[in-house]
Amino acid sequence: MSKDKLLEALRNHNPEMPDASTVLKDALRQAGKEEKRVIVQETATWCGPCHLLTRFLNANRESGQEHFFKMLNETRKRMTEEEVKAFVEKLKT
C-alpha cells in the first residue's frame, strides 16, 4: 500500500469526535428530566481499571437504571495529519 493510500484510509476511518461540553449538557438535561444522576466514565483502551469499571457497570445496569443516567465518554486522541505522517515514517524504519 502506498503512503498516500494509507493516509487516505486513515483519514476516511477517523471518526468524528462529539463535543464533550455538548454531550455533558445533553446528559445532564436528560438526567434532570428523569430525576436521575449522571455517571461520567472516562476510559481508554489501555486502562485496566477502566475495563473493570465498565464490566461492573454493565453487570449492574438494571439495578442502576432506576437512579442513574450513565454517560460513557471513551477517550480517543485524534491524530493530526502531521502525526499520521510521522507514524507512517516510523513504520518505514
Foldseek 3Di string as FASTA:
>chain_A
DDPVVVLVVLVVPQDDDDDPVVLVVVLVVVCVVLVAAEDEQEEEPPDPVSVVVVVVCVVCVVVRVNHYDYDYDYDDDGDDSVRSVVVVVVVVD
